[in-house]
Protein backbone atom coordinates (compact mmCIF):
# COMPACT_ATOMS: atom_id res chain seq x y z
CA MET A 1 26.90 32.34 -8.54
CA GLU A 2 27.88 28.65 -8.16
CA ASN A 3 25.46 26.30 -10.43
CA ILE A 4 24.19 23.01 -9.11
CA ILE A 5 23.56 22.03 -12.52
CA GLU A 6 24.62 22.64 -16.22
CA ILE A 7 23.84 21.67 -19.13
CA ASN A 8 25.32 22.47 -22.66
CA ASN A 9 24.09 21.82 -25.40
CA LEU A 10 21.75 19.09 -25.29
CA ASN A 11 21.39 16.98 -28.67
CA TYR A 12 17.81 13.96 -27.89
CA LYS A 13 16.29 13.15 -31.09
CA ASN A 14 13.63 15.53 -32.53
CA ILE A 15 13.20 16.86 -29.19
CA PHE A 16 16.48 18.94 -27.91
CA SER A 17 18.32 20.81 -30.36
CA ASN A 18 22.25 22.51 -28.39
CA PHE A 19 19.64 23.09 -25.58
CA SER A 20 21.51 25.08 -22.87
CA ILE A 21 21.11 25.43 -18.88
CA SER A 22 22.48 26.03 -15.71
CA LEU A 23 20.95 26.11 -12.43
CA PRO A 24 21.42 27.52 -9.38
CA LYS A 25 22.68 25.79 -6.29
CA ASN A 26 21.01 25.46 -3.53
CA LYS A 27 17.44 27.04 -4.14
CA PHE A 28 13.86 26.22 -5.65
CA ILE A 29 14.44 26.51 -8.99
CA SER A 30 10.62 26.08 -11.76
CA ILE A 31 10.86 25.05 -15.18
CA ALA A 32 7.73 25.84 -17.26
CA GLY A 33 6.44 25.32 -20.37
CA SER A 34 3.55 23.08 -22.37
CA ASN A 35 3.59 19.79 -23.20
CA ASN A 36 5.31 18.09 -24.77
CA CYS A 37 7.71 20.49 -24.42
CA GLY A 38 9.90 18.06 -23.21
CA LYS A 39 10.44 18.08 -19.36
CA THR A 40 9.77 14.37 -19.05
CA THR A 41 12.19 13.84 -21.13
CA LEU A 42 15.07 15.73 -19.60
CA VAL A 43 14.35 14.76 -16.39
CA ARG A 44 14.74 10.70 -17.50
CA ILE A 45 17.62 12.58 -18.60
CA LEU A 46 18.59 14.03 -15.70
CA ASP A 47 17.86 10.39 -14.31
CA LYS A 48 20.54 9.04 -16.34
CA GLU A 49 17.66 7.35 -17.82
CA ILE A 50 17.84 8.17 -20.84
CA GLU A 51 22.17 9.16 -21.30
CA THR A 52 23.01 11.40 -24.34
CA SER A 53 26.67 11.99 -25.30
CA SER A 54 25.91 16.06 -24.55
CA GLU A 55 27.73 17.40 -21.68
CA ILE A 56 25.77 17.54 -18.52
CA LEU A 57 27.27 18.56 -15.70
CA ILE A 58 26.24 17.48 -11.76
CA ASN A 59 27.57 19.83 -9.08
CA ALA A 60 30.50 20.06 -11.74
CA LYS A 61 31.37 16.77 -12.44
CA PRO A 62 30.64 15.01 -15.92
CA ILE A 63 26.85 13.29 -15.24
CA SER A 64 29.21 10.07 -17.02
CA GLN A 65 31.40 9.95 -15.00
CA TYR A 66 29.29 9.00 -12.05
CA LYS A 67 28.78 5.53 -10.40
CA ILE A 68 25.28 4.89 -9.34
CA THR A 69 24.94 4.49 -6.54
CA GLU A 70 26.76 7.47 -6.00
CA TYR A 71 24.70 9.27 -9.00
CA TYR A 72 21.41 8.50 -6.42
CA LYS A 73 22.64 9.19 -3.54
CA THR A 74 23.30 12.94 -5.47
CA VAL A 75 20.15 13.17 -7.33
CA ARG A 76 17.03 11.73 -7.15
CA THR A 77 13.94 12.02 -8.91
CA ILE A 78 10.16 11.14 -8.75
CA ILE A 79 7.72 11.31 -11.98
CA PRO A 80 4.61 10.58 -10.85
CA LYS A 81 3.17 7.10 -10.46
CA GLU A 82 6.25 5.98 -11.46
CA TYR A 83 7.98 3.75 -8.47
CA ILE A 84 7.84 0.58 -7.36
CA ASN A 85 7.48 -0.25 -3.51
CA THR A 86 8.94 -3.65 -1.69
CA PHE A 87 6.66 -3.25 1.38
CA ALA A 88 3.24 -3.88 2.27
CA THR A 89 3.14 0.17 3.84
CA ILE A 90 4.24 4.02 3.97
CA GLU A 91 5.96 2.53 7.09
CA GLU A 92 8.20 0.12 6.36
CA GLU A 93 8.87 1.24 3.14
CA LEU A 94 10.29 4.28 4.68
CA ASN A 95 12.16 3.26 7.81
CA ASN A 96 14.01 0.45 4.53
CA ASN A 97 14.86 3.43 3.14
CA LEU A 98 16.03 4.63 5.80
CA ASP A 99 18.21 1.61 7.51
CA GLN A 100 20.01 1.16 4.38
CA LEU A 101 22.23 4.80 4.91
CA PHE A 102 23.17 4.09 8.04
CA ILE A 103 22.21 6.86 10.21
CA SER A 104 21.88 7.05 13.59
CA LYS A 105 18.86 6.10 15.20
CA GLU A 106 18.04 9.90 16.18
CA GLU A 107 18.67 11.18 13.16
CA LYS A 108 16.44 8.52 12.11
CA ASN A 109 13.69 8.96 14.34
CA LYS A 110 14.11 13.42 12.96
CA ARG A 111 13.23 12.59 9.42
CA ILE A 112 11.04 10.80 9.54
CA LYS A 113 8.70 12.78 11.72
CA SER A 114 9.62 15.64 9.95
CA ILE A 115 8.83 14.28 6.47
CA TYR A 116 5.51 12.70 8.12
CA LYS A 117 4.40 15.79 9.52
CA ASN A 118 5.24 17.99 6.65
CA LEU A 119 3.10 15.36 4.06
CA SER A 120 0.45 14.61 5.99
CA LEU A 121 1.94 11.12 6.48
CA ASN A 122 0.56 10.16 9.36
CA ARG A 123 -2.38 9.13 8.43
CA ILE A 124 -1.84 6.40 6.26
CA LYS A 125 1.47 5.67 7.48
CA LYS A 126 -0.01 1.85 8.27
CA ASP A 127 -2.04 1.65 5.34
CA ASN A 128 -1.87 -0.46 2.40
CA ILE A 129 0.53 1.52 -0.86
CA THR A 130 -1.04 -0.32 -3.49
CA GLU A 131 -4.83 1.03 -2.35
CA LEU A 132 -3.03 4.47 -1.51
CA SER A 133 -4.77 6.99 -3.77
CA ILE A 134 -3.07 8.70 -6.73
CA GLU A 135 -1.18 11.88 -4.55
CA ASP A 136 -0.89 9.81 -1.25
CA PHE A 137 1.33 7.56 -3.60
CA ILE A 138 3.10 11.20 -4.86
CA ARG A 139 3.20 11.53 -1.28
CA LEU A 140 5.26 8.17 -1.11
CA GLN A 141 7.83 9.56 -3.81
CA ILE A 142 8.49 12.85 -2.53
CA ALA A 143 9.26 11.25 1.22
CA VAL A 144 11.44 8.68 -0.13
CA ALA A 145 13.58 10.61 -2.01
CA VAL A 146 13.36 13.28 0.91
CA SER A 147 14.26 10.75 3.57
CA SER A 148 17.57 10.12 0.95
CA MET A 149 18.47 13.77 1.54
CA PRO A 150 20.58 13.92 -1.74
CA LYS A 151 21.15 17.27 -3.01
CA ILE A 152 19.37 18.29 -6.05
CA LEU A 153 15.73 16.66 -5.55
CA ILE A 154 13.90 17.16 -9.67
CA ILE A 155 10.39 16.99 -9.71
CA ASP A 156 8.06 16.82 -12.66
CA ASP A 157 4.21 17.95 -13.00
CA ILE A 158 2.63 16.95 -9.24
CA SER A 159 0.35 19.61 -9.17
CA PRO A 160 -2.52 17.25 -11.53
CA TYR A 161 -2.91 15.99 -8.68
CA PHE A 162 -3.17 17.50 -6.43
CA SER A 163 -6.34 20.27 -4.64
CA GLU A 164 -4.72 23.74 -4.75
CA GLU A 165 -4.43 23.35 -1.73
CA GLU A 166 -3.37 20.58 -1.19
CA ILE A 167 -0.17 21.58 -3.57
CA LEU A 168 0.56 24.86 -2.18
CA GLU A 169 0.89 22.45 1.11
CA VAL A 170 3.24 20.68 -0.98
CA ILE A 171 4.89 23.57 -2.61
CA SER A 172 5.61 24.82 0.71
CA TYR A 173 7.14 21.89 1.91
CA PHE A 174 10.25 22.16 -0.87
CA LYS A 175 10.46 26.06 0.19
CA TYR A 176 11.26 24.90 3.86
CA LEU A 177 13.76 22.32 2.75
CA VAL A 178 15.91 24.99 0.81
CA SER A 179 16.43 27.09 3.37
CA ASN A 180 17.04 24.91 6.10
CA TYR A 181 19.29 22.68 4.52
CA ASP A 182 21.97 21.78 1.98
CA LEU A 183 19.28 21.03 -1.60
CA SER A 184 18.33 22.47 -5.07
CA ILE A 185 14.83 21.66 -5.57
CA ILE A 186 14.51 21.70 -9.51
CA LEU A 187 10.04 22.32 -9.92
CA ILE A 188 9.24 20.50 -13.70
CA THR A 189 5.44 21.93 -14.55
CA SER A 190 3.27 23.41 -16.79
CA ARG A 191 1.32 25.32 -15.02
CA LEU A 192 2.05 29.20 -13.83
CA ASP A 193 -0.26 28.96 -10.37
CA ASP A 194 3.05 25.81 -8.86
CA VAL A 195 5.96 28.90 -9.78
CA ILE A 196 5.24 31.90 -8.18
CA THR A 197 7.07 31.26 -4.60
CA SER A 198 10.01 30.13 -6.30
CA ASP A 199 13.39 31.40 -5.88
CA TYR A 200 13.73 31.22 -9.90
CA LEU A 201 11.96 30.44 -13.09
CA TYR A 202 13.05 29.30 -16.48
CA ILE A 203 10.19 29.21 -19.70
CA ILE A 204 11.18 26.73 -22.13
CA HIS A 205 9.70 26.61 -25.98
CA ASP A 206 10.68 24.84 -28.92
CA SER A 207 14.29 23.59 -27.83
CA SER A 208 15.20 27.51 -25.83
CA ILE A 209 14.58 29.45 -22.94
CA ILE A 210 12.81 31.87 -24.13
CA LEU A 211 11.93 33.43 -20.92
CA GLU A 212 13.61 33.63 -17.33
CA GLY A 213 13.82 35.58 -13.73
CA ASN A 214 12.08 36.46 -11.20
CA PRO A 215 8.63 34.17 -11.13
CA ILE A 216 6.81 37.90 -10.98
CA ASP A 217 9.12 39.26 -13.39
CA VAL A 218 8.85 36.49 -15.72
CA MET A 219 4.85 36.40 -15.82
CA LYS A 220 4.23 39.88 -16.61
CA LYS A 221 5.29 39.03 -20.29
CA ASP A 222 2.08 37.48 -20.19
CA ASN A 223 1.14 37.93 -24.39
CA ILE A 224 4.49 35.78 -24.12
CA LEU A 225 3.41 32.83 -22.05
CA ASN A 226 0.12 33.02 -23.95
CA ARG A 227 1.35 32.42 -26.73
CA ILE A 228 2.77 29.51 -26.47
CA GLY A 229 -0.45 27.73 -23.99
CA LEU A 230 1.15 29.56 -20.57
CA LYS A 231 -2.41 30.81 -18.78
CA VAL A 232 -1.23 32.76 -15.90
CA PRO A 233 -2.43 33.20 -12.94
CA PHE A 234 -5.73 34.87 -12.20
CA MET A 235 -4.06 37.45 -10.42
CA ILE A 236 -1.11 38.24 -11.62
CA ASP A 237 -3.33 38.50 -14.93
CA LEU A 238 -5.77 40.94 -13.20
CA SER A 239 -3.17 43.54 -11.38
CA VAL A 240 -1.06 43.68 -14.65
CA LYS A 241 -4.26 44.55 -16.40
CA LEU A 242 -4.53 47.05 -13.91
CA GLN A 243 -0.62 48.94 -13.83
CA ASP A 244 -1.46 48.97 -17.48
CA TYR A 245 -4.53 51.42 -16.68
CA ALA A 246 -2.13 53.03 -13.72
CA LEU A 247 -5.46 52.00 -10.63
CA ILE A 248 -2.92 50.25 -9.05
CA ASP A 249 1.76 50.79 -8.64
CA ASN A 250 2.41 46.92 -8.23
CA ILE A 251 1.37 43.13 -9.05
CA GLU A 252 -1.48 42.15 -6.17
CA LEU A 253 -1.20 38.19 -5.32
CA ASP A 254 -4.38 39.07 -2.51
CA ILE A 255 -7.23 39.68 -3.20
CA ASP A 256 -8.71 41.48 -0.28
CA ARG A 257 -5.66 43.91 -0.17
CA MET A 258 -6.47 44.54 -3.85
CA VAL A 259 -9.57 45.45 -3.16
CA ASP A 260 -8.59 47.20 -0.60
CA LYS A 261 -6.24 49.27 -2.94
CA LEU A 262 -8.97 49.87 -5.78
CA TRP A 263 -11.28 51.46 -3.45
CA LYS A 264 -9.15 53.77 -1.75
């Protein structure tokens, strides 16, 4: 499997010591860990905001060999609230960003239509950016990043700013993008509810990957996850316990189907 990002023996202050990770291409990848485990620092390193001498390959090319303009065409990062807009409204900001790409008018309109629909921005596209709620400001950040169609999109812990329903909609959009475009998405989070539908999950702790694999399989290791401060989603936790008592055979995420199985 081809990797989109490879980090080998990353060292940075007292946060990372010989940390290594390889992320597959064209997948929706989740990296989860408790607070203060270095997740945001990792994002800042991959955004070239923090420089290290460690070996980091982006699309098989050393990160140090990228020019800034080339790099930001390849990698876009989203750290909540860390975005400085140039124009007053979402509509103006997005139009300006797309104009810098020198794409056809047809392609521009296609991207705008899709972004407005999938991020629920039509209702606020003419609102002043300075007056947006935090969740809508993050929608703007996602919109600008996605409009550029990078090869890699890295998102840092956005779920605390959204309702349960809203974050599910945003994650569904990420899944759609990975399925339909030449794009790899890396979602960084401290909330395991966000990672259930991702293609692959890494759990980091103390500068190491302590668990990795299919998200459901990883979350069966509830004793390890609880020990490092990560809460397993209720339905998965319940399913694991019911499996221990041989009451069900498989993990069940839907409460109604779970009830049906238990009553049969």
